[in-house]
């Protein structure tokens, strides 16, 4: 099972998106997202992935929801966070990302599955961000029993 953290920055009816530049996803739009590192706090992972993929420093402002996704040979848990930019500037690894930009919500909601990675799963989160349907971050509890 993979755990992926997605960061949704919604501003002025636009969403901060990255255009993938690797594998079968070349040219597809996606949220700044990535795998959670082993033993990584989910909040820190979401902030890290946003920075790595866009260059922006973000502050998480809400939890848009968990998506339980099954593929023919894989199980993925998507943790979707709402965020706002607090610093930084666009900077990204061109081997992984082709472009970073704010894309109009209507354009995203009308994209095909070959244009928007994750299709309906991403569209659901875009609608939640637009409609302000999110939970406070304290809906998620962190416990570390390693010490």
N, C-alpha and C. Protein backbone atom coordinates (compact mmCIF):
# COMPACT_ATOMS: atom_id res chain seq x y z
N UNK A 1 0.85 -1.18 0.00
CA UNK A 1 0.00 0.00 0.00
C UNK A 1 0.89 1.24 0.00
N UNK A 2 0.52 2.22 -0.80
CA UNK A 2 1.22 3.50 -0.86
C UNK A 2 0.39 4.56 -0.16
N UNK A 3 1.06 5.47 0.54
CA UNK A 3 0.41 6.63 1.13
C UNK A 3 0.94 7.86 0.42
N UNK A 4 0.03 8.62 -0.18
CA UNK A 4 0.37 9.82 -0.95
C UNK A 4 -0.23 11.03 -0.26
N UNK A 5 0.55 12.11 -0.15
CA UNK A 5 0.04 13.38 0.38
C UNK A 5 -0.11 14.35 -0.78
N UNK A 6 -1.29 14.94 -0.90
CA UNK A 6 -1.61 15.93 -1.93
C UNK A 6 -1.80 17.28 -1.25
N UNK A 7 -1.30 18.33 -1.90
CA UNK A 7 -1.48 19.67 -1.37
C UNK A 7 -2.27 20.49 -2.39
N UNK A 8 -3.41 21.01 -1.97
CA UNK A 8 -4.29 21.79 -2.84
C UNK A 8 -4.23 23.25 -2.39
N UNK A 9 -3.65 24.09 -3.26
CA UNK A 9 -3.62 25.53 -3.00
C UNK A 9 -4.69 26.15 -3.90
N UNK A 10 -5.77 26.64 -3.27
CA UNK A 10 -6.90 27.22 -3.99
C UNK A 10 -6.89 28.72 -3.75
N UNK A 11 -6.88 29.49 -4.84
CA UNK A 11 -6.85 30.95 -4.70
C UNK A 11 -7.50 31.59 -5.93
N UNK A 12 -8.44 32.48 -5.70
CA UNK A 12 -9.09 33.23 -6.78
C UNK A 12 -9.64 32.31 -7.87
N UNK A 13 -10.32 31.24 -7.46
CA UNK A 13 -10.94 30.27 -8.36
C UNK A 13 -9.92 29.56 -9.26
N UNK A 14 -8.69 29.45 -8.76
CA UNK A 14 -7.63 28.71 -9.45
C UNK A 14 -6.97 27.78 -8.45
N UNK A 15 -6.33 26.72 -8.98
CA UNK A 15 -5.64 25.75 -8.14
C UNK A 15 -4.20 25.65 -8.63
N UNK A 16 -3.27 25.65 -7.69
CA UNK A 16 -1.86 25.47 -8.03
C UNK A 16 -1.64 24.03 -8.49
N UNK A 17 -1.16 23.89 -9.72
CA UNK A 17 -0.98 22.56 -10.31
C UNK A 17 0.44 22.42 -10.85
N UNK A 18 0.87 21.17 -10.91
CA UNK A 18 2.15 20.84 -11.55
C UNK A 18 1.84 19.98 -12.77
N UNK A 19 2.64 20.16 -13.80
CA UNK A 19 2.50 19.34 -15.00
C UNK A 19 3.64 18.33 -14.99
N UNK A 20 3.26 17.04 -14.92
CA UNK A 20 4.23 15.96 -14.77
C UNK A 20 5.18 15.86 -15.96
N UNK A 21 6.40 15.37 -15.69
CA UNK A 21 7.39 15.20 -16.75
C UNK A 21 8.13 13.87 -16.60
N UNK A 22 7.40 12.82 -16.28
CA UNK A 22 8.06 11.52 -16.13
C UNK A 22 7.09 10.38 -16.42
N UNK A 23 7.65 9.29 -16.92
CA UNK A 23 6.90 8.07 -17.17
C UNK A 23 5.67 8.27 -18.01
N UNK A 24 4.64 7.49 -17.69
CA UNK A 24 3.39 7.55 -18.46
C UNK A 24 2.55 8.79 -18.14
N UNK A 25 3.02 9.62 -17.22
CA UNK A 25 2.25 10.80 -16.80
C UNK A 25 2.72 12.10 -17.46
N UNK A 26 3.66 12.02 -18.40
CA UNK A 26 4.20 13.22 -19.05
C UNK A 26 3.05 14.07 -19.61
N UNK A 27 3.06 15.35 -19.23
CA UNK A 27 2.07 16.30 -19.72
C UNK A 27 0.80 16.37 -18.89
N UNK A 28 0.60 15.44 -17.96
CA UNK A 28 -0.62 15.44 -17.16
C UNK A 28 -0.49 16.44 -16.00
N UNK A 29 -1.61 17.06 -15.66
CA UNK A 29 -1.66 17.99 -14.54
C UNK A 29 -1.98 17.23 -13.26
N UNK A 30 -1.41 17.69 -12.15
CA UNK A 30 -1.59 17.04 -10.86
C UNK A 30 -1.39 18.07 -9.76
N UNK A 31 -1.87 17.74 -8.57
CA UNK A 31 -1.54 18.55 -7.40
C UNK A 31 -0.07 18.31 -7.06
N UNK A 32 0.57 19.24 -6.38
CA UNK A 32 1.87 18.91 -5.79
C UNK A 32 1.63 17.74 -4.83
N UNK A 33 2.31 16.65 -5.07
CA UNK A 33 2.01 15.42 -4.33
C UNK A 33 3.19 14.48 -4.33
N UNK A 34 3.15 13.53 -3.42
CA UNK A 34 4.18 12.51 -3.42
C UNK A 34 4.01 11.53 -2.29
N UNK A 35 4.89 10.53 -2.30
CA UNK A 35 4.86 9.49 -1.29
C UNK A 35 5.33 10.03 0.07
N UNK A 36 4.67 9.58 1.08
CA UNK A 36 5.09 9.88 2.44
C UNK A 36 6.32 9.04 2.75
N UNK A 37 7.35 9.68 3.31
CA UNK A 37 8.55 8.93 3.70
C UNK A 37 8.24 8.09 4.94
N UNK A 38 9.00 7.04 5.13
CA UNK A 38 8.78 6.18 6.30
C UNK A 38 8.94 6.98 7.58
N UNK A 39 8.00 6.86 8.48
CA UNK A 39 7.97 7.55 9.78
C UNK A 39 7.85 9.07 9.64
N UNK A 40 7.43 9.57 8.50
CA UNK A 40 7.29 11.01 8.31
C UNK A 40 5.90 11.46 8.76
N UNK A 41 5.85 12.55 9.49
CA UNK A 41 4.59 13.16 9.88
C UNK A 41 3.85 13.58 8.61
N UNK A 42 2.56 13.29 8.52
CA UNK A 42 1.83 13.55 7.29
C UNK A 42 1.77 15.05 6.95
N UNK A 43 1.71 15.91 7.95
CA UNK A 43 1.70 17.34 7.70
C UNK A 43 3.03 17.79 7.10
N UNK A 44 4.12 17.32 7.69
CA UNK A 44 5.46 17.68 7.20
C UNK A 44 5.66 17.13 5.79
N UNK A 45 5.16 15.93 5.52
CA UNK A 45 5.28 15.34 4.19
C UNK A 45 4.56 16.16 3.14
N UNK A 46 3.37 16.65 3.45
CA UNK A 46 2.60 17.46 2.50
C UNK A 46 3.31 18.78 2.22
N UNK A 47 3.84 19.40 3.26
CA UNK A 47 4.57 20.66 3.10
C UNK A 47 5.84 20.43 2.28
N UNK A 48 6.56 19.35 2.58
CA UNK A 48 7.79 19.01 1.86
C UNK A 48 7.53 18.79 0.38
N UNK A 49 6.50 18.01 0.07
CA UNK A 49 6.20 17.72 -1.34
C UNK A 49 5.82 18.99 -2.10
N UNK A 50 5.05 19.88 -1.48
CA UNK A 50 4.70 21.14 -2.14
C UNK A 50 5.96 21.94 -2.45
N UNK A 51 6.87 22.01 -1.51
CA UNK A 51 8.12 22.76 -1.71
C UNK A 51 8.96 22.12 -2.81
N UNK A 52 9.12 20.79 -2.76
CA UNK A 52 9.94 20.09 -3.75
C UNK A 52 9.39 20.25 -5.16
N UNK A 53 8.09 20.23 -5.31
CA UNK A 53 7.51 20.23 -6.64
C UNK A 53 7.19 21.62 -7.19
N UNK A 54 7.10 22.63 -6.32
CA UNK A 54 6.73 23.97 -6.81
C UNK A 54 7.73 25.06 -6.44
N UNK A 55 8.49 24.86 -5.37
CA UNK A 55 9.36 25.91 -4.85
C UNK A 55 8.69 26.77 -3.80
N UNK A 56 7.39 26.64 -3.65
CA UNK A 56 6.65 27.45 -2.69
C UNK A 56 6.67 26.83 -1.29
N UNK A 57 6.77 27.72 -0.29
CA UNK A 57 6.55 27.32 1.09
C UNK A 57 5.06 27.45 1.35
N UNK A 58 4.46 26.42 1.93
CA UNK A 58 3.03 26.46 2.19
C UNK A 58 2.74 26.21 3.66
N UNK A 59 1.59 26.68 4.06
CA UNK A 59 1.04 26.43 5.39
C UNK A 59 -0.26 25.65 5.17
N UNK A 60 -0.39 24.52 5.82
CA UNK A 60 -1.62 23.73 5.69
C UNK A 60 -2.73 24.43 6.47
N UNK A 61 -3.91 24.49 5.86
CA UNK A 61 -5.04 25.20 6.48
C UNK A 61 -6.25 24.31 6.70
N UNK A 62 -6.27 23.12 6.12
CA UNK A 62 -7.41 22.24 6.30
C UNK A 62 -7.16 20.87 5.71
N UNK A 63 -8.05 19.95 6.05
CA UNK A 63 -7.97 18.59 5.54
C UNK A 63 -9.18 18.35 4.63
N UNK A 64 -8.91 18.13 3.35
CA UNK A 64 -9.98 17.95 2.36
C UNK A 64 -10.53 16.53 2.35
N UNK A 65 -9.77 15.58 2.85
CA UNK A 65 -10.29 14.22 2.94
C UNK A 65 -9.28 13.16 2.55
N UNK A 66 -9.66 11.95 2.88
CA UNK A 66 -8.87 10.76 2.56
C UNK A 66 -9.57 10.03 1.44
N UNK A 67 -8.79 9.58 0.47
CA UNK A 67 -9.35 8.79 -0.63
C UNK A 67 -8.68 7.43 -0.63
N UNK A 68 -9.49 6.40 -0.65
CA UNK A 68 -9.06 5.01 -0.63
C UNK A 68 -9.19 4.48 -2.06
N UNK A 69 -8.06 4.31 -2.77
CA UNK A 69 -8.09 4.02 -4.21
C UNK A 69 -7.49 2.64 -4.48
N UNK A 70 -8.21 1.86 -5.26
CA UNK A 70 -7.74 0.52 -5.62
C UNK A 70 -7.48 0.46 -7.12
N UNK A 71 -6.30 0.02 -7.47
CA UNK A 71 -5.92 -0.24 -8.86
C UNK A 71 -5.80 -1.75 -9.01
N UNK A 72 -5.68 -2.26 -10.23
CA UNK A 72 -5.58 -3.72 -10.40
C UNK A 72 -4.47 -4.37 -9.56
N UNK A 73 -3.36 -3.67 -9.37
CA UNK A 73 -2.25 -4.28 -8.62
C UNK A 73 -1.71 -3.39 -7.51
N UNK A 74 -2.50 -2.42 -7.07
CA UNK A 74 -2.00 -1.50 -6.06
C UNK A 74 -3.15 -0.89 -5.25
N UNK A 75 -2.87 -0.63 -3.98
CA UNK A 75 -3.79 0.05 -3.09
C UNK A 75 -3.12 1.35 -2.67
N UNK A 76 -3.80 2.48 -2.86
CA UNK A 76 -3.24 3.79 -2.55
C UNK A 76 -4.18 4.55 -1.62
N UNK A 77 -3.61 5.14 -0.60
CA UNK A 77 -4.34 6.04 0.30
C UNK A 77 -3.86 7.46 -0.03
N UNK A 78 -4.80 8.34 -0.40
CA UNK A 78 -4.48 9.73 -0.71
C UNK A 78 -4.96 10.61 0.45
N UNK A 79 -4.06 11.37 1.02
CA UNK A 79 -4.39 12.34 2.06
C UNK A 79 -4.32 13.72 1.41
N UNK A 80 -5.44 14.42 1.39
CA UNK A 80 -5.56 15.67 0.65
C UNK A 80 -5.67 16.86 1.60
N UNK A 81 -4.71 17.78 1.49
CA UNK A 81 -4.66 18.93 2.37
C UNK A 81 -4.89 20.22 1.60
N UNK A 82 -5.60 21.14 2.22
CA UNK A 82 -5.76 22.49 1.71
C UNK A 82 -4.60 23.32 2.27
N UNK A 83 -4.03 24.21 1.44
CA UNK A 83 -2.87 24.99 1.89
C UNK A 83 -2.89 26.37 1.27
N UNK A 84 -2.07 27.24 1.84
CA UNK A 84 -1.86 28.55 1.24
C UNK A 84 -0.36 28.82 1.16
N UNK A 85 0.03 29.60 0.17
CA UNK A 85 1.44 29.94 -0.02
C UNK A 85 1.84 31.00 0.99
N UNK A 86 2.99 30.77 1.65
CA UNK A 86 3.49 31.73 2.64
C UNK A 86 4.88 32.24 2.27
N UNK A 87 5.45 31.75 1.17
CA UNK A 87 6.77 32.21 0.77
C UNK A 87 7.29 31.41 -0.41
N UNK A 88 8.53 31.70 -0.76
CA UNK A 88 9.17 30.98 -1.86
C UNK A 88 8.80 31.53 -3.21
N UNK A 89 9.31 30.89 -4.24
CA UNK A 89 9.00 31.24 -5.61
C UNK A 89 9.07 29.98 -6.45
N UNK A 90 8.48 30.04 -7.63
CA UNK A 90 8.43 28.84 -8.47
C UNK A 90 9.84 28.36 -8.78
N UNK A 91 10.07 27.11 -8.42
CA UNK A 91 11.34 26.43 -8.69
C UNK A 91 11.05 24.94 -8.62
N UNK A 92 11.52 24.20 -9.63
CA UNK A 92 11.22 22.77 -9.64
C UNK A 92 12.26 22.01 -10.45
N UNK A 93 12.29 20.70 -10.23
CA UNK A 93 13.19 19.80 -10.94
C UNK A 93 12.57 19.49 -12.30
N UNK A 94 13.20 19.96 -13.37
CA UNK A 94 12.65 19.80 -14.72
C UNK A 94 12.63 18.34 -15.18
N UNK A 95 13.34 17.45 -14.48
CA UNK A 95 13.27 16.03 -14.81
C UNK A 95 11.95 15.42 -14.34
N UNK A 96 11.31 16.05 -13.34
CA UNK A 96 10.06 15.53 -12.79
C UNK A 96 8.84 16.39 -13.17
N UNK A 97 9.05 17.71 -13.28
CA UNK A 97 7.95 18.65 -13.49
C UNK A 97 8.24 19.49 -14.74
N UNK A 98 7.23 19.62 -15.62
CA UNK A 98 7.36 20.46 -16.82
C UNK A 98 6.99 21.91 -16.55
N UNK A 99 5.99 22.09 -15.68
CA UNK A 99 5.43 23.42 -15.49
C UNK A 99 4.71 23.47 -14.14
N UNK A 100 4.67 24.66 -13.56
CA UNK A 100 3.91 24.93 -12.34
C UNK A 100 3.10 26.19 -12.60
N UNK A 101 1.80 26.10 -12.40
CA UNK A 101 0.97 27.30 -12.59
C UNK A 101 -0.38 27.15 -11.90
N UNK A 102 -1.02 28.30 -11.68
CA UNK A 102 -2.40 28.29 -11.18
C UNK A 102 -3.31 28.09 -12.39
N UNK A 103 -4.18 27.09 -12.29
CA UNK A 103 -5.09 26.74 -13.39
C UNK A 103 -6.52 26.99 -12.94
N UNK A 104 -7.31 27.59 -13.83
CA UNK A 104 -8.72 27.87 -13.54
C UNK A 104 -9.47 26.59 -13.15
N UNK A 105 -10.33 26.69 -12.14
CA UNK A 105 -11.11 25.54 -11.68
C UNK A 105 -11.95 24.95 -12.81
N UNK A 106 -12.65 25.78 -13.57
CA UNK A 106 -13.51 25.26 -14.65
C UNK A 106 -12.70 24.48 -15.67
N UNK A 107 -11.51 24.96 -15.98
CA UNK A 107 -10.64 24.25 -16.92
C UNK A 107 -10.27 22.87 -16.36
N UNK A 108 -9.90 22.82 -15.08
CA UNK A 108 -9.53 21.55 -14.45
C UNK A 108 -10.71 20.57 -14.43
N UNK A 109 -11.89 21.08 -14.08
CA UNK A 109 -13.07 20.21 -13.98
C UNK A 109 -13.51 19.68 -15.35
N UNK A 110 -13.08 20.32 -16.42
CA UNK A 110 -13.42 19.87 -17.77
C UNK A 110 -12.31 19.06 -18.43
N UNK A 111 -11.22 18.82 -17.71
CA UNK A 111 -10.12 18.04 -18.29
C UNK A 111 -10.49 16.57 -18.37
N UNK A 112 -9.94 15.91 -19.37
CA UNK A 112 -10.13 14.47 -19.53
C UNK A 112 -9.17 13.72 -18.61
N UNK A 113 -9.38 12.41 -18.48
CA UNK A 113 -8.50 11.59 -17.66
C UNK A 113 -7.08 11.53 -18.22
N UNK A 114 -6.91 11.85 -19.49
CA UNK A 114 -5.56 11.87 -20.06
C UNK A 114 -4.86 13.21 -19.83
N UNK A 115 -5.61 14.21 -19.35
CA UNK A 115 -5.03 15.53 -19.06
C UNK A 115 -4.81 15.73 -17.57
N UNK A 116 -5.72 15.22 -16.74
CA UNK A 116 -5.68 15.42 -15.29
C UNK A 116 -5.41 14.09 -14.61
N UNK A 117 -4.23 13.96 -14.02
CA UNK A 117 -3.88 12.72 -13.36
C UNK A 117 -4.83 12.46 -12.20
N UNK A 118 -5.39 11.27 -12.15
CA UNK A 118 -6.32 10.94 -11.08
C UNK A 118 -7.74 11.36 -11.37
N UNK A 119 -7.96 12.00 -12.50
CA UNK A 119 -9.29 12.36 -12.97
C UNK A 119 -10.29 12.73 -11.91
N UNK A 120 -11.28 11.88 -11.71
CA UNK A 120 -12.40 12.19 -10.79
C UNK A 120 -11.95 12.35 -9.35
N UNK A 121 -10.90 11.63 -8.94
CA UNK A 121 -10.40 11.78 -7.57
C UNK A 121 -9.89 13.20 -7.34
N UNK A 122 -9.17 13.75 -8.32
CA UNK A 122 -8.66 15.12 -8.21
C UNK A 122 -9.82 16.12 -8.30
N UNK A 123 -10.75 15.87 -9.21
CA UNK A 123 -11.89 16.79 -9.37
C UNK A 123 -12.70 16.90 -8.09
N UNK A 124 -12.85 15.78 -7.38
CA UNK A 124 -13.58 15.80 -6.11
C UNK A 124 -12.91 16.76 -5.12
N UNK A 125 -11.58 16.71 -5.04
CA UNK A 125 -10.86 17.57 -4.11
C UNK A 125 -10.90 19.03 -4.55
N UNK A 126 -10.86 19.28 -5.85
CA UNK A 126 -10.97 20.65 -6.37
C UNK A 126 -12.32 21.25 -5.98
N UNK A 127 -13.39 20.47 -6.14
CA UNK A 127 -14.72 20.94 -5.76
C UNK A 127 -14.82 21.21 -4.27
N UNK A 128 -14.22 20.33 -3.45
CA UNK A 128 -14.26 20.55 -2.00
C UNK A 128 -13.54 21.84 -1.63
N UNK A 129 -12.38 22.08 -2.25
CA UNK A 129 -11.63 23.31 -1.96
C UNK A 129 -12.46 24.53 -2.37
N UNK A 130 -13.03 24.49 -3.57
CA UNK A 130 -13.84 25.60 -4.08
C UNK A 130 -15.04 25.87 -3.17
N UNK A 131 -15.68 24.79 -2.72
CA UNK A 131 -16.90 24.90 -1.92
C UNK A 131 -16.64 25.03 -0.42
N UNK A 132 -15.37 25.14 -0.05
CA UNK A 132 -14.96 25.27 1.35
C UNK A 132 -15.45 24.11 2.21
N UNK A 133 -15.38 22.91 1.66
CA UNK A 133 -15.78 21.71 2.38
C UNK A 133 -14.53 20.97 2.84
N UNK A 134 -14.06 21.36 4.01
CA UNK A 134 -12.86 20.73 4.55
C UNK A 134 -12.95 20.69 6.06
N UNK A 135 -12.14 19.85 6.65
CA UNK A 135 -12.08 19.71 8.10
C UNK A 135 -10.89 20.50 8.64
N UNK A 136 -10.98 20.91 9.91
CA UNK A 136 -9.80 21.55 10.51
C UNK A 136 -8.68 20.51 10.65
N UNK A 137 -7.46 20.97 10.66
CA UNK A 137 -6.32 20.06 10.76
C UNK A 137 -6.34 19.25 12.06
N UNK A 138 -6.95 19.79 13.10
CA UNK A 138 -6.98 19.03 14.36
C UNK A 138 -7.94 17.84 14.30
N UNK A 139 -8.58 17.61 13.15
CA UNK A 139 -9.36 16.38 12.96
C UNK A 139 -8.41 15.18 12.83
N UNK A 140 -7.13 15.48 12.62
CA UNK A 140 -6.11 14.44 12.51
C UNK A 140 -5.22 14.50 13.74
N UNK A 141 -5.07 13.39 14.41
CA UNK A 141 -4.22 13.32 15.59
C UNK A 141 -2.92 12.61 15.25
N UNK A 142 -1.82 13.10 15.81
CA UNK A 142 -0.52 12.47 15.65
C UNK A 142 -0.08 11.91 16.98
N UNK A 143 0.34 10.67 16.97
CA UNK A 143 0.88 10.03 18.16
C UNK A 143 2.20 9.38 17.79
N UNK A 144 3.21 9.58 18.61
CA UNK A 144 4.51 8.99 18.38
C UNK A 144 4.91 8.23 19.64
N UNK A 145 4.84 6.92 19.57
CA UNK A 145 5.14 6.08 20.71
C UNK A 145 6.54 5.48 20.64
N UNK A 146 7.41 6.07 19.80
CA UNK A 146 8.77 5.52 19.64
C UNK A 146 9.66 5.86 20.82
N UNK A 147 9.34 6.90 21.58
CA UNK A 147 10.21 7.30 22.71
C UNK A 147 9.71 6.74 24.01
